[in-house]
Amino acid sequence: MSDLLIQVLDVDGVAVLRPEGFINAHTVRQFEAALEALVREARFTILLDCRDLNYISSAGLGAIMGLIEPVRANGGDILLCDLQKDVHEIFDTLGFTQLYRVFATRDEALQCLKGTH
């Protein structure tokens, strides 16, 4: 089994990227490629559903940071939801919870986005 599985879903026009497992030095390229593919497809409203994400390294955070500028320049945003406690602490410690909107559930994030994309 891979250390990282990534599902990409379309939910009411929102690209929901759902990583499962660990984003680390061995898997970050796979995660980055999935994000870059969405941007290439002009999918600029991206929800990272982290319910099954067990760990994210600084490289994974860098992949998100690397795409936020082109995403926001095109009227979109990257949002986060369903962060497990340990993953939330990583995002919070590095200031990501100040830079990105974080929601308790996917439904809350999607409700917030209704009519904004």
PDB file of N, CA and C in Angstrom:
ATOM      1  N   MET A   1       0.839  -1.191   0.000  1.00  0.00           N
ATOM      2  CA  MET A   1       0.000   0.000   0.000  1.00  0.00           C
ATOM      3  C   MET A   1       0.879   1.247   0.000  1.00  0.00           C
ATOM      4  N   SER A   2       0.449   2.245  -0.736  1.00  0.00           N
ATOM      5  CA  SER A   2       1.165   3.513  -0.823  1.00  0.00           C
ATOM      6  C   SER A   2       1.037   4.290   0.493  1.00  0.00           C
ATOM      7  N   ASP A   3       2.020   5.161   0.740  1.00  0.00           N
ATOM      8  CA  ASP A   3       1.949   6.030   1.913  1.00  0.00           C
ATOM      9  C   ASP A   3       0.928   7.143   1.723  1.00  0.00           C
ATOM     10  N   LEU A   4       0.541   7.379   0.463  1.00  0.00           N
ATOM     11  CA  LEU A   4      -0.397   8.456   0.159  1.00  0.00           C
ATOM     12  C   LEU A   4      -1.319   8.049  -0.985  1.00  0.00           C
ATOM     13  N   LEU A   5      -2.603   8.192  -0.745  1.00  0.00           N
ATOM     14  CA  LEU A   5      -3.621   8.041  -1.785  1.00  0.00           C
ATOM     15  C   LEU A   5      -4.314   9.392  -1.901  1.00  0.00           C
ATOM     16  N   ILE A   6      -4.643   9.783  -3.127  1.00  0.00           N
ATOM     17  CA  ILE A   6      -5.301  11.067  -3.329  1.00  0.00           C
ATOM     18  C   ILE A   6      -6.546  10.864  -4.174  1.00  0.00           C
ATOM     19  N   GLN A   7      -7.655  11.321  -3.646  1.00  0.00           N
ATOM     20  CA  GLN A   7      -8.920  11.328  -4.386  1.00  0.00           C
ATOM     21  C   GLN A   7      -9.195  12.762  -4.787  1.00  0.00           C
ATOM     22  N   VAL A   8      -9.685  12.958  -5.996  1.00  0.00           N
ATOM     23  CA  VAL A   8     -10.123  14.278  -6.420  1.00  0.00           C
ATOM     24  C   VAL A   8     -11.576  14.150  -6.857  1.00  0.00           C
ATOM     25  N   LEU A   9     -12.424  14.938  -6.222  1.00  0.00           N
ATOM     26  CA  LEU A   9     -13.855  14.900  -6.502  1.00  0.00           C
ATOM     27  C   LEU A   9     -14.323  16.279  -6.939  1.00  0.00           C
ATOM     28  N   ASP A  10     -15.409  16.327  -7.660  1.00  0.00           N
ATOM     29  CA  ASP A  10     -16.069  17.593  -7.959  1.00  0.00           C
ATOM     30  C   ASP A  10     -17.363  17.620  -7.168  1.00  0.00           C
ATOM     31  N   VAL A  11     -17.486  18.598  -6.293  1.00  0.00           N
ATOM     32  CA  VAL A  11     -18.702  18.732  -5.499  1.00  0.00           C
ATOM     33  C   VAL A  11     -19.252  20.127  -5.741  1.00  0.00           C
ATOM     34  N   ASP A  12     -20.320  20.208  -6.510  1.00  0.00           N
ATOM     35  CA  ASP A  12     -20.964  21.480  -6.833  1.00  0.00           C
ATOM     36  C   ASP A  12     -19.974  22.502  -7.386  1.00  0.00           C
ATOM     37  N   GLY A  13     -19.076  22.060  -8.275  1.00  0.00           N
ATOM     38  CA  GLY A  13     -18.129  22.968  -8.906  1.00  0.00           C
ATOM     39  C   GLY A  13     -16.878  23.242  -8.100  1.00  0.00           C
ATOM     40  N   VAL A  14     -16.774  22.647  -6.936  1.00  0.00           N
ATOM     41  CA  VAL A  14     -15.584  22.808  -6.091  1.00  0.00           C
ATOM     42  C   VAL A  14     -14.714  21.564  -6.263  1.00  0.00           C
ATOM     43  N   ALA A  15     -13.419  21.773  -6.501  1.00  0.00           N
ATOM     44  CA  ALA A  15     -12.489  20.651  -6.575  1.00  0.00           C
ATOM     45  C   ALA A  15     -12.131  20.249  -5.149  1.00  0.00           C
ATOM     46  N   VAL A  16     -12.530  19.050  -4.761  1.00  0.00           N
ATOM     47  CA  VAL A  16     -12.233  18.540  -3.420  1.00  0.00           C
ATOM     48  C   VAL A  16     -11.079  17.546  -3.561  1.00  0.00           C
ATOM     49  N   LEU A  17      -9.948  17.891  -2.977  1.00  0.00           N
ATOM     50  CA  LEU A  17      -8.777  17.029  -3.004  1.00  0.00           C
ATOM     51  C   LEU A  17      -8.664  16.383  -1.632  1.00  0.00           C
ATOM     52  N   ARG A  18      -8.684  15.060  -1.629  1.00  0.00           N
ATOM     53  CA  ARG A  18      -8.730  14.326  -0.363  1.00  0.00           C
ATOM     54  C   ARG A  18      -7.507  13.421  -0.232  1.00  0.00           C
ATOM     55  N   PRO A  19      -6.446  13.922   0.421  1.00  0.00           N
ATOM     56  CA  PRO A  19      -5.275  13.078   0.634  1.00  0.00           C
ATOM     57  C   PRO A  19      -5.505  12.104   1.792  1.00  0.00           C
ATOM     58  N   GLU A  20      -5.016  10.897   1.632  1.00  0.00           N
ATOM     59  CA  GLU A  20      -5.153   9.880   2.679  1.00  0.00           C
ATOM     60  C   GLU A  20      -3.778   9.299   2.975  1.00  0.00           C
ATOM     61  N   GLY A  21      -3.338   9.438   4.211  1.00  0.00           N
ATOM     62  CA  GLY A  21      -2.045   8.897   4.601  1.00  0.00           C
ATOM     63  C   GLY A  21      -1.079   9.991   5.023  1.00  0.00           C
ATOM     64  N   PHE A  22       0.114   9.966   4.419  1.00  0.00           N
ATOM     65  CA  PHE A  22       1.204  10.829   4.847  1.00  0.00           C
ATOM     66  C   PHE A  22       1.760  11.633   3.680  1.00  0.00           C
ATOM     67  N   ILE A  23       1.850  12.949   3.858  1.00  0.00           N
ATOM     68  CA  ILE A  23       2.530  13.790   2.880  1.00  0.00           C
ATOM     69  C   ILE A  23       3.895  14.111   3.485  1.00  0.00           C
ATOM     70  N   ASN A  24       4.931  13.499   2.885  1.00  0.00           N
ATOM     71  CA  ASN A  24       6.287  13.661   3.396  1.00  0.00           C
ATOM     72  C   ASN A  24       7.245  13.750   2.212  1.00  0.00           C
ATOM     73  N   ALA A  25       8.527  13.648   2.472  1.00  0.00           N
ATOM     74  CA  ALA A  25       9.523  13.777   1.408  1.00  0.00           C
ATOM     75  C   ALA A  25       9.318  12.742   0.295  1.00  0.00           C
ATOM     76  N   HIS A  26       8.771  11.578   0.644  1.00  0.00           N
ATOM     77  CA  HIS A  26       8.581  10.513  -0.348  1.00  0.00           C
ATOM     78  C   HIS A  26       7.311  10.684  -1.179  1.00  0.00           C
ATOM     79  N   THR A  27       6.325  11.406  -0.641  1.00  0.00           N
ATOM     80  CA  THR A  27       5.030  11.492  -1.320  1.00  0.00           C
ATOM     81  C   THR A  27       4.659  12.907  -1.762  1.00  0.00           C
ATOM     82  N   VAL A  28       5.475  13.890  -1.398  1.00  0.00           N
ATOM     83  CA  VAL A  28       5.094  15.275  -1.676  1.00  0.00           C
ATOM     84  C   VAL A  28       4.935  15.547  -3.170  1.00  0.00           C
ATOM     85  N   ARG A  29       5.730  14.904  -4.005  1.00  0.00           N
ATOM     86  CA  ARG A  29       5.632  15.140  -5.449  1.00  0.00           C
ATOM     87  C   ARG A  29       4.257  14.709  -5.975  1.00  0.00           C
ATOM     88  N   GLN A  30       3.747  13.612  -5.452  1.00  0.00           N
ATOM     89  CA  GLN A  30       2.415  13.132  -5.848  1.00  0.00           C
ATOM     90  C   GLN A  30       1.343  14.159  -5.442  1.00  0.00           C
ATOM     91  N   PHE A  31       1.453  14.693  -4.233  1.00  0.00           N
ATOM     92  CA  PHE A  31       0.513  15.695  -3.729  1.00  0.00           C
ATOM     93  C   PHE A  31       0.601  16.978  -4.558  1.00  0.00           C
ATOM     94  N   GLU A  32       1.824  17.419  -4.801  1.00  0.00           N
ATOM     95  CA  GLU A  32       2.045  18.630  -5.585  1.00  0.00           C
ATOM     96  C   GLU A  32       1.498  18.478  -7.008  1.00  0.00           C
ATOM     97  N   ALA A  33       1.703  17.315  -7.606  1.00  0.00           N
ATOM     98  CA  ALA A  33       1.209  17.054  -8.961  1.00  0.00           C
ATOM     99  C   ALA A  33      -0.317  17.115  -9.013  1.00  0.00           C
ATOM    100  N   ALA A  34      -0.981  16.606  -7.986  1.00  0.00           N
ATOM    101  CA  ALA A  34      -2.448  16.645  -7.946  1.00  0.00           C
ATOM    102  C   ALA A  34      -2.938  18.092  -7.852  1.00  0.00           C
ATOM    103  N   LEU A  35      -2.285  18.901  -7.028  1.00  0.00           N
ATOM    104  CA  LEU A  35      -2.657  20.319  -6.923  1.00  0.00           C
ATOM    105  C   LEU A  35      -2.395  21.053  -8.238  1.00  0.00           C
ATOM    106  N   GLU A  36      -1.221  20.812  -8.817  1.00  0.00           N
ATOM    107  CA  GLU A  36      -0.865  21.481 -10.071  1.00  0.00           C
ATOM    108  C   GLU A  36      -1.819  21.104 -11.200  1.00  0.00           C
ATOM    109  N   ALA A  37      -2.267  19.864 -11.224  1.00  0.00           N
ATOM    110  CA  ALA A  37      -3.210  19.424 -12.256  1.00  0.00           C
ATOM    111  C   ALA A  37      -4.517  20.207 -12.153  1.00  0.00           C
ATOM    112  N   LEU A  38      -4.976  20.453 -10.941  1.00  0.00           N
ATOM    113  CA  LEU A  38      -6.204  21.236 -10.760  1.00  0.00           C
ATOM    114  C   LEU A  38      -6.025  22.657 -11.294  1.00  0.00           C
ATOM    115  N   VAL A  39      -4.897  23.263 -10.988  1.00  0.00           N
ATOM    116  CA  VAL A  39      -4.644  24.633 -11.459  1.00  0.00           C
ATOM    117  C   VAL A  39      -4.548  24.657 -12.987  1.00  0.00           C
ATOM    118  N   ARG A  40      -3.868  23.665 -13.578  1.00  0.00           N
ATOM    119  CA  ARG A  40      -3.781  23.586 -15.049  1.00  0.00           C
ATOM    120  C   ARG A  40      -5.168  23.459 -15.680  1.00  0.00           C
ATOM    121  N   GLU A  41      -6.082  22.795 -14.975  1.00  0.00           N
ATOM    122  CA  GLU A  41      -7.456  22.619 -15.472  1.00  0.00           C
ATOM    123  C   GLU A  41      -8.335  23.825 -15.139  1.00  0.00           C
ATOM    124  N   ALA A  42      -7.711  24.907 -14.648  1.00  0.00           N
ATOM    125  CA  ALA A  42      -8.417  26.135 -14.253  1.00  0.00           C
ATOM    126  C   ALA A  42      -9.430  25.871 -13.141  1.00  0.00           C
ATOM    127  N   ARG A  43      -9.092  24.953 -12.244  1.00  0.00           N
ATOM    128  CA  ARG A  43      -9.913  24.664 -11.062  1.00  0.00           C
ATOM    129  C   ARG A  43      -9.303  25.455  -9.908  1.00  0.00           C
ATOM    130  N   PHE A  44      -9.823  26.644  -9.674  1.00  0.00           N
ATOM    131  CA  PHE A  44      -9.191  27.563  -8.733  1.00  0.00           C
ATOM    132  C   PHE A  44      -9.874  27.611  -7.364  1.00  0.00           C
ATOM    133  N   THR A  45     -10.968  26.893  -7.202  1.00  0.00           N
ATOM    134  CA  THR A  45     -11.580  26.761  -5.881  1.00  0.00           C
ATOM    135  C   THR A  45     -11.310  25.336  -5.430  1.00  0.00           C
ATOM    136  N   ILE A  46     -10.380  25.216  -4.483  1.00  0.00           N
ATOM    137  CA  ILE A  46      -9.879  23.909  -4.065  1.00  0.00           C
ATOM    138  C   ILE A  46     -10.107  23.727  -2.564  1.00  0.00           C
ATOM    139  N   LEU A  47     -10.750  22.633  -2.216  1.00  0.00           N
ATOM    140  CA  LEU A  47     -10.969  22.292  -0.818  1.00  0.00           C
ATOM    141  C   LEU A  47     -10.117  21.072  -0.498  1.00  0.00           C
ATOM    142  N   LEU A  48      -9.180  21.237   0.434  1.00  0.00           N
ATOM    143  CA  LEU A  48      -8.385  20.110   0.907  1.00  0.00           C
ATOM    144  C   LEU A  48      -9.136  19.459   2.064  1.00  0.00           C
ATOM    145  N   ASP A  49      -9.703  18.305   1.798  1.00  0.00           N
ATOM    146  CA  ASP A  49     -10.433  17.544   2.816  1.00  0.00           C
ATOM    147  C   ASP A  49      -9.421  16.622   3.486  1.00  0.00           C
ATOM    148  N   CYS A  50      -9.031  16.978   4.700  1.00  0.00           N
ATOM    149  CA  CYS A  50      -7.916  16.312   5.382  1.00  0.00           C
ATOM    150  C   CYS A  50      -8.343  15.271   6.405  1.00  0.00           C
ATOM    151  N   ARG A  51      -9.565  14.773   6.308  1.00  0.00           N
ATOM    152  CA  ARG A  51     -10.051  13.833   7.327  1.00  0.00           C
ATOM    153  C   ARG A  51      -9.194  12.579   7.438  1.00  0.00           C
ATOM    154  N   ASP A  52      -8.572  12.152   6.340  1.00  0.00           N
ATOM    155  CA  ASP A  52      -7.753  10.943   6.369  1.00  0.00           C
ATOM    156  C   ASP A  52      -6.260  11.236   6.214  1.00  0.00           C
ATOM    157  N   LEU A  53      -5.890  12.511   6.399  1.00  0.00           N
ATOM    158  CA  LEU A  53      -4.482  12.886   6.338  1.00  0.00           C
ATOM    159  C   LEU A  53      -3.880  12.728   7.729  1.00  0.00           C
ATOM    160  N   ASN A  54      -2.884  11.860   7.842  1.00  0.00           N
ATOM    161  CA  ASN A  54      -2.269  11.579   9.137  1.00  0.00           C
ATOM    162  C   ASN A  54      -1.085  12.486   9.455  1.00  0.00           C
ATOM    163  N   TYR A  55      -0.442  13.020   8.402  1.00  0.00           N
ATOM    164  CA  TYR A  55       0.752  13.839   8.610  1.00  0.00           C
ATOM    165  C   TYR A  55       1.024  14.656   7.360  1.00  0.00           C
ATOM    166  N   ILE A  56       1.511  15.885   7.547  1.00  0.00           N
ATOM    167  CA  ILE A  56       1.983  16.693   6.433  1.00  0.00           C
ATOM    168  C   ILE A  56       3.291  17.346   6.845  1.00  0.00           C
ATOM    169  N   SER A  57       4.292  17.209   5.994  1.00  0.00           N
ATOM    170  CA  SER A  57       5.612  17.777   6.275  1.00  0.00           C
ATOM    171  C   SER A  57       5.673  19.216   5.766  1.00  0.00           C
ATOM    172  N   SER A  58       6.785  19.870   6.060  1.00  0.00           N
ATOM    173  CA  SER A  58       6.977  21.234   5.563  1.00  0.00           C
ATOM    174  C   SER A  58       6.991  21.255   4.042  1.00  0.00           C
ATOM    175  N   ALA A  59       7.436  20.188   3.413  1.00  0.00           N
ATOM    176  CA  ALA A  59       7.416  20.119   1.948  1.00  0.00           C
ATOM    177  C   ALA A  59       5.974  20.137   1.431  1.00  0.00           C
ATOM    178  N   GLY A  60       5.091  19.441   2.126  1.00  0.00           N
ATOM    179  CA  GLY A  60       3.674  19.451   1.743  1.00  0.00           C
ATOM    180  C   GLY A  60       3.061  20.828   1.909  1.00  0.00           C
ATOM    181  N   LEU A  61       3.407  21.498   3.003  1.00  0.00           N
ATOM    182  CA  LEU A  61       2.922  22.856   3.222  1.00  0.00           C
ATOM    183  C   LEU A  61       3.466  23.786   2.147  1.00  0.00           C
ATOM    184  N   GLY A  62       4.709  23.557   1.749  1.00  0.00           N
ATOM    185  CA  GLY A  62       5.306  24.356   0.678  1.00  0.00           C
ATOM    186  C   GLY A  62       4.585  24.178  -0.646  1.00  0.00           C
ATOM    187  N   ALA A  63       4.096  22.972  -0.910  1.00  0.00           N
ATOM    188  CA  ALA A  63       3.341  22.711  -2.140  1.00  0.00           C
ATOM    189  C   ALA A  63       2.056  23.538  -2.166  1.00  0.00           C
ATOM    190  N   ILE A  64       1.408  23.656  -1.011  1.00  0.00           N
ATOM    191  CA  ILE A  64       0.186  24.464  -0.914  1.00  0.00           C
ATOM    192  C   ILE A  64       0.532  25.937  -1.097  1.00  0.00           C
ATOM    193  N   MET A  65       1.567  26.389  -0.401  1.00  0.00           N
ATOM    194  CA  MET A  65       1.979  27.794  -0.498  1.00  0.00           C
ATOM    195  C   MET A  65       2.386  28.167  -1.920  1.00  0.00           C
ATOM    196  N   GLY A  66       3.006  27.221  -2.610  1.00  0.00           N
ATOM    197  CA  GLY A  66       3.477  27.484  -3.964  1.00  0.00           C
ATOM    198  C   GLY A  66       2.371  27.747  -4.961  1.00  0.00           C
ATOM    199  N   LEU A  67       1.166  27.319  -4.646  1.00  0.00           N
ATOM    200  CA  LEU A  67       0.056  27.487  -5.591  1.00  0.00           C
ATOM    201  C   LEU A  67      -0.970  28.521  -5.150  1.00  0.00           C
ATOM    202  N   ILE A  68      -0.863  29.035  -3.938  1.00  0.00           N
ATOM    203  CA  ILE A  68      -1.905  29.946  -3.465  1.00  0.00           C
ATOM    204  C   ILE A  68      -1.949  31.237  -4.282  1.00  0.00           C
ATOM    205  N   GLU A  69      -0.798  31.737  -4.701  1.00  0.00           N
ATOM    206  CA  GLU A  69      -0.781  32.985  -5.464  1.00  0.00           C
ATOM    207  C   GLU A  69      -1.512  32.866  -6.808  1.00  0.00           C
ATOM    208  N   PRO A  70      -1.171  31.872  -7.649  1.00  0.00           N
ATOM    209  CA  PRO A  70      -1.929  31.762  -8.905  1.00  0.00           C
ATOM    210  C   PRO A  70      -3.405  31.435  -8.684  1.00  0.00           C
ATOM    211  N   VAL A  71      -3.722  30.682  -7.645  1.00  0.00           N
ATOM    212  CA  VAL A  71      -5.120  30.352  -7.351  1.00  0.00           C
ATOM    213  C   VAL A  71      -5.889  31.625  -7.005  1.00  0.00           C
ATOM    214  N   ARG A  72      -5.360  32.411  -6.085  1.00  0.00           N
ATOM    215  CA  ARG A  72      -6.051  33.639  -5.676  1.00  0.00           C
ATOM    216  C   ARG A  72      -6.043  34.695  -6.773  1.00  0.00           C
ATOM    217  N   ALA A  73      -4.995  34.723  -7.591  1.00  0.00           N
ATOM    218  CA  ALA A  73      -4.938  35.678  -8.710  1.00  0.00           C
ATOM    219  C   ALA A  73      -6.048  35.399  -9.725  1.00  0.00           C
ATOM    220  N   ASN A  74      -6.544  34.173  -9.737  1.00  0.00           N
ATOM    221  CA  ASN A  74      -7.627  33.791 -10.643  1.00  0.00           C
ATOM    222  C   ASN A  74      -8.977  33.733  -9.935  1.00  0.00           C
ATOM    223  N   GLY A  75      -9.089  34.417  -8.800  1.00  0.00           N
ATOM    224  CA  GLY A  75     -10.368  34.522  -8.106  1.00  0.00           C
ATOM    225  C   GLY A  75     -10.751  33.318  -7.272  1.00  0.00           C
ATOM    226  N   GLY A  76      -9.817  32.417  -7.050  1.00  0.00           N
ATOM    227  CA  GLY A  76     -10.115  31.211  -6.280  1.00  0.00           C
ATOM    228  C   GLY A  76      -9.515  31.255  -4.896  1.00  0.00           C
ATOM    229  N   ASP A  77      -9.511  30.101  -4.264  1.00  0.00           N
ATOM    230  CA  ASP A  77      -8.926  29.983  -2.939  1.00  0.00           C
ATOM    231  C   ASP A  77      -8.685  28.505  -2.647  1.00  0.00           C
ATOM    232  N   ILE A  78      -7.799  28.258  -1.677  1.00  0.00           N
ATOM    233  CA  ILE A  78      -7.576  26.912  -1.159  1.00  0.00           C
ATOM    234  C   ILE A  78      -8.090  26.921   0.272  1.00  0.00           C
ATOM    235  N   LEU A  79      -9.017  26.035   0.562  1.00  0.00           N
ATOM    236  CA  LEU A  79      -9.603  25.940   1.892  1.00  0.00           C
ATOM    237  C   LEU A  79      -9.253  24.580   2.487  1.00  0.00           C
ATOM    238  N   LEU A  80      -9.327  24.489   3.796  1.00  0.00           N
ATOM    239  CA  LEU A  80      -8.997  23.258   4.506  1.00  0.00           C
ATOM    240  C   LEU A  80     -10.188  22.823   5.352  1.00  0.00           C
ATOM    241  N   CYS A  81     -10.383  21.516   5.473  1.00  0.00           N
ATOM    242  CA  CYS A  81     -11.443  21.034   6.360  1.00  0.00           C
ATOM    243  C   CYS A  81     -11.063  19.695   6.963  1.00  0.00           C
ATOM    244  N   ASP A  82     -11.761  19.365   8.045  1.00  0.00           N
ATOM    245  CA  ASP A  82     -11.631  18.066   8.712  1.00  0.00           C
ATOM    246  C   ASP A  82     -10.198  17.738   9.115  1.00  0.00           C
ATOM    247  N   LEU A  83      -9.497  18.713   9.686  1.00  0.00           N
ATOM    248  CA  LEU A  83      -8.119  18.474  10.095  1.00  0.00           C
ATOM    249  C   LEU A  83      -8.080  17.643  11.378  1.00  0.00           C
ATOM    250  N   GLN A  84      -7.335  16.547  11.352  1.00  0.00           N
ATOM    251  CA  GLN A  84      -7.120  15.780  12.570  1.00  0.00           C
ATOM    252  C   GLN A  84      -6.295  16.638  13.533  1.00  0.00           C
ATOM    253  N   LYS A  85      -6.369  16.325  14.804  1.00  0.00           N
ATOM    254  CA  LYS A  85      -5.716  17.137  15.836  1.00  0.00           C
ATOM    255  C   LYS A  85      -4.237  17.382  15.536  1.00  0.00           C
ATOM    256  N   ASP A  86      -3.475  16.342  15.256  1.00  0.00           N
ATOM    257  CA  ASP A  86      -2.041  16.490  15.010  1.00  0.00           C
ATOM    258  C   ASP A  86      -1.758  17.322  13.760  1.00  0.00           C
ATOM    259  N   VAL A  87      -2.541  17.101  12.716  1.00  0.00           N
ATOM    260  CA  VAL A  87      -2.367  17.858  11.472  1.00  0.00           C
ATOM    261  C   VAL A  87      -2.752  19.319  11.698  1.00  0.00           C
ATOM    262  N   HIS A  88      -3.817  19.555  12.448  1.00  0.00           N
ATOM    263  CA  HIS A  88      -4.230  20.930  12.753  1.00  0.00           C
ATOM    264  C   HIS A  88      -3.112  21.659  13.493  1.00  0.00           C
ATOM    265  N   GLU A  89      -2.469  20.971  14.429  1.00  0.00           N
ATOM    266  CA  GLU A  89      -1.377  21.594  15.183  1.00  0.00           C
ATOM    267  C   GLU A  89      -0.223  21.997  14.273  1.00  0.00           C
ATOM    268  N   ILE A  90       0.079  21.182  13.268  1.00  0.00           N
ATOM    269  CA  ILE A  90       1.134  21.524  12.305  1.00  0.00           C
ATOM    270  C   ILE A  90       0.736  22.778  11.533  1.00  0.00           C
ATOM    271  N   PHE A  91      -0.481  22.798  10.998  1.00  0.00           N
ATOM    272  CA  PHE A  91      -0.952  23.970  10.250  1.00  0.00           C
ATOM    273  C   PHE A  91      -0.971  25.210  11.141  1.00  0.00           C
ATOM    274  N   ASP A  92      -1.431  25.047  12.369  1.00  0.00           N
ATOM    275  CA  ASP A  92      -1.555  26.179  13.291  1.00  0.00           C
ATOM    276  C   ASP A  92      -0.182  26.714  13.700  1.00  0.00           C
ATOM    277  N   THR A  93       0.724  25.834  14.045  1.00  0.00           N
ATOM    278  CA  THR A  93       2.071  26.234  14.476  1.00  0.00           C
ATOM    279  C   THR A  93       2.777  27.048  13.391  1.00  0.00           C
ATOM    280  N   LEU A  94       2.572  26.682  12.150  1.00  0.00           N
ATOM    281  CA  LEU A  94       3.246  27.365  11.041  1.00  0.00           C
ATOM    282  C   LEU A  94       2.436  28.524  10.467  1.00  0.00           C
ATOM    283  N   GLY A  95       1.320  28.865  11.117  1.00  0.00           N
ATOM    284  CA  GLY A  95       0.547  30.033  10.720  1.00  0.00           C
ATOM    285  C   GLY A  95      -0.434  29.825   9.586  1.00  0.00           C
ATOM    286  N   PHE A  96      -0.603  28.594   9.145  1.00  0.00           N
ATOM    287  CA  PHE A  96      -1.512  28.331   8.022  1.00  0.00           C
ATOM    288  C   PHE A  96      -2.968  28.609   8.380  1.00  0.00           C
ATOM    289  N   THR A  97      -3.313  28.470   9.654  1.00  0.00           N
ATOM    290  CA  THR A  97      -4.702  28.722  10.041  1.00  0.00           C
ATOM    291  C   THR A  97      -5.017  30.211   9.984  1.00  0.00           C
ATOM    292  N   GLN A  98      -3.991  31.058   9.875  1.00  0.00           N
ATOM    293  CA  GLN A  98      -4.196  32.497   9.683  1.00  0.00           C
ATOM    294  C   GLN A  98      -4.274  32.848   8.197  1.00  0.00           C
ATOM    295  N   LEU A  99      -3.649  32.032   7.355  1.00  0.00           N
ATOM    296  CA  LEU A  99      -3.577  32.305   5.918  1.00  0.00           C
ATOM    297  C   LEU A  99      -4.697  31.662   5.112  1.00  0.00           C
ATOM    298  N   TYR A 100      -5.258  30.580   5.646  1.00  0.00           N
ATOM    299  CA  TYR A 100      -6.268  29.802   4.935  1.00  0.00           C
ATOM    300  C   TYR A 100      -7.508  29.656   5.805  1.00  0.00           C
ATOM    301  N   ARG A 101      -8.650  29.591   5.150  1.00  0.00           N
ATOM    302  CA  ARG A 101      -9.885  29.337   5.900  1.00  0.00           C
ATOM    303  C   ARG A 101      -9.954  27.851   6.236  1.00  0.00           C
ATOM    304  N   VAL A 102     -10.213  27.569   7.513  1.00  0.00           N
ATOM    305  CA  VAL A 102     -10.266  26.194   8.006  1.00  0.00           C
ATOM    306  C   VAL A 102     -11.672  25.924   8.528  1.00  0.00           C
ATOM    307  N   PHE A 103     -12.248  24.808   8.119  1.00  0.00           N
ATOM    308  CA  PHE A 103     -13.602  24.437   8.508  1.00  0.00           C
ATOM    309  C   PHE A 103     -13.593  23.087   9.208  1.00  0.00           C
ATOM    310  N   ALA A 104     -14.518  22.910  10.125  1.00  0.00           N
ATOM    311  CA  ALA A 104     -14.611  21.655  10.870  1.00  0.00           C
ATOM    312  C   ALA A 104     -15.009  20.497   9.959  1.00  0.00           C
ATOM    313  N   THR A 105     -15.893  20.759   8.984  1.00  0.00           N
ATOM    314  CA  THR A 105     -16.379  19.689   8.107  1.00  0.00           C
ATOM    315  C   THR A 105     -16.395  20.142   6.654  1.00  0.00           C
ATOM    316  N   ARG A 106     -16.456  19.172   5.764  1.00  0.00           N
ATOM    317  CA  ARG A 106     -16.564  19.471   4.339  1.00  0.00           C
ATOM    318  C   ARG A 106     -17.856  20.227   4.058  1.00  0.00           C
ATOM    319  N   ASP A 107     -18.953  19.803   4.693  1.00  0.00           N
ATOM    320  CA  ASP A 107     -20.240  20.467   4.463  1.00  0.00           C
ATOM    321  C   ASP A 107     -20.196  21.939   4.834  1.00  0.00           C
ATOM    322  N   GLU A 108     -19.530  22.274   5.953  1.00  0.00           N
ATOM    323  CA  GLU A 108     -19.418  23.683   6.354  1.00  0.00           C
ATOM    324  C   GLU A 108     -18.649  24.478   5.309  1.00  0.00           C
ATOM    325  N   ALA A 109     -17.564  23.915   4.814  1.00  0.00           N
ATOM    326  CA  ALA A 109     -16.749  24.606   3.799  1.00  0.00           C
ATOM    327  C   ALA A 109     -17.560  24.802   2.510  1.00  0.00           C
ATOM    328  N   LEU A 110     -18.254  23.760   2.070  1.00  0.00           N
ATOM    329  CA  LEU A 110     -19.038  23.864   0.846  1.00  0.00           C
ATOM    330  C   LEU A 110     -20.174  24.864   0.990  1.00  0.00           C
ATOM    331  N   GLN A 111     -20.787  24.881   2.168  1.00  0.00           N
ATOM    332  CA  GLN A 111     -21.879  25.838   2.429  1.00  0.00           C
ATOM    333  C   GLN A 111     -21.327  27.269   2.316  1.00  0.00           C
ATOM    334  N   CYS A 112     -20.161  27.503   2.869  1.00  0.00           N
ATOM    335  CA  CYS A 112     -19.529  28.822   2.821  1.00  0.00           C
ATOM    336  C   CYS A 112     -19.236  29.223   1.379  1.00  0.00           C
ATOM    337  N   LEU A 113     -18.883  28.267   0.553  1.00  0.00           N
ATOM    338  CA  LEU A 113     -18.512  28.557  -0.828  1.00  0.00           C
ATOM    339  C   LEU A 113     -19.699  28.736  -1.771  1.00  0.00           C
ATOM    340  N   LYS A 114     -20.865  28.307  -1.357  1.00  0.00           N
ATOM    341  CA  LYS A 114     -22.031  28.409  -2.257  1.00  0.00           C
ATOM    342  C   LYS A 114     -22.165  29.833  -2.788  1.00  0.00           C
ATOM    343  N   GLY A 115     -22.188  29.929  -4.097  1.00  0.00           N
ATOM    344  CA  GLY A 115     -22.369  31.245  -4.723  1.00  0.00           C
ATOM    345  C   GLY A 115     -21.094  32.072  -4.837  1.00  0.00           C
ATOM    346  N   THR A 116     -19.921  31.539  -4.404  1.00  0.00           N
ATOM    347  CA  THR A 116     -18.703  32.332  -4.489  1.00  0.00           C
ATOM    348  C   THR A 116     -17.747  31.840  -5.575  1.00  0.00           C
ATOM    349  N   HIS A 117     -18.131  30.832  -6.338  1.00  0.00           N
ATOM    350  CA  HIS A 117     -17.236  30.339  -7.388  1.00  0.00           C
ATOM    351  C   HIS A 117     -17.940  30.296  -8.724  1.00  0.00           C
TER     352      HIS A 117
END
